[in-house]
Amino acid sequence: MNGNGLFDFDDVVTFFNAIEWSTENEPVEAFDVNGNGRIDFDDLVELFNQL
């Protein structure tokens, strides 16, 4: 998410900071981490749980 090539906490922070913009401008499939068909806070929680 943050482009450093690692999956780390900074990715979760980046997603949190961009979630509203992503919801309006990105394809759902790219950010729907939990697979419920939308970009929402639950995706952020799931991303955090994958750390």
Protein backbone atom coordinates (compact mmCIF):
# COMPACT_ATOMS: atom_id res chain seq x y z
CA MET A 1 0.00 0.00 0.00
CA ASN A 2 2.70 2.52 0.86
CA GLY A 3 5.07 1.39 -1.87
CA ASN A 4 8.08 0.35 0.21
CA GLY A 5 7.86 -3.29 -0.89
CA LEU A 6 7.14 -4.57 2.61
CA PHE A 7 3.86 -5.51 4.28
CA ASP A 8 3.98 -3.64 7.56
CA PHE A 9 2.07 -1.34 9.89
CA ASP A 10 2.75 1.62 7.61
CA ASP A 11 0.52 -0.07 5.01
CA VAL A 12 -2.34 -0.09 7.52
CA VAL A 13 -1.77 3.60 8.28
CA THR A 14 -1.63 4.45 4.57
CA PHE A 15 -4.89 2.59 3.95
CA PHE A 16 -6.54 4.36 6.89
CA ASN A 17 -5.47 7.77 5.60
CA ALA A 18 -6.70 7.02 2.07
CA ILE A 19 -9.80 4.92 2.72
CA GLU A 20 -12.30 7.66 1.87
CA TRP A 21 -10.45 8.62 -1.32
CA SER A 22 -10.05 4.95 -2.27
CA THR A 23 -13.76 4.33 -1.81
CA GLU A 24 -14.55 7.04 -4.33
CA ASN A 25 -11.69 6.57 -6.81
CA GLU A 26 -10.32 3.01 -6.80
CA PRO A 27 -11.77 -0.32 -7.95
CA VAL A 28 -13.36 -2.16 -5.05
CA GLU A 29 -11.45 -5.36 -5.86
CA ALA A 30 -8.13 -3.65 -5.15
CA PHE A 31 -9.01 -2.67 -1.57
CA ASP A 32 -11.76 -5.09 -0.49
CA VAL A 33 -9.51 -7.04 1.87
CA ASN A 34 -12.34 -8.92 3.60
CA GLY A 35 -14.26 -9.75 0.41
CA ASN A 36 -17.62 -8.19 1.32
CA GLY A 37 -17.90 -6.25 -1.94
CA ARG A 38 -17.12 -2.77 -0.62
CA ILE A 39 -14.26 -0.72 0.78
CA ASP A 40 -14.92 -0.06 4.46
CA PHE A 41 -13.42 0.00 7.96
CA ASP A 42 -13.69 -3.79 8.19
CA ASP A 43 -11.10 -4.00 5.40
CA LEU A 44 -8.74 -1.92 7.52
CA VAL A 45 -9.27 -4.25 10.50
CA GLU A 46 -8.66 -7.32 8.34
CA LEU A 47 -5.49 -5.79 6.91
CA PHE A 48 -4.26 -5.10 10.44
CA ASN A 49 -5.07 -8.67 11.50
CA GLN A 50 -2.92 -10.00 8.65
CA LEU A 51 0.21 -8.37 10.09
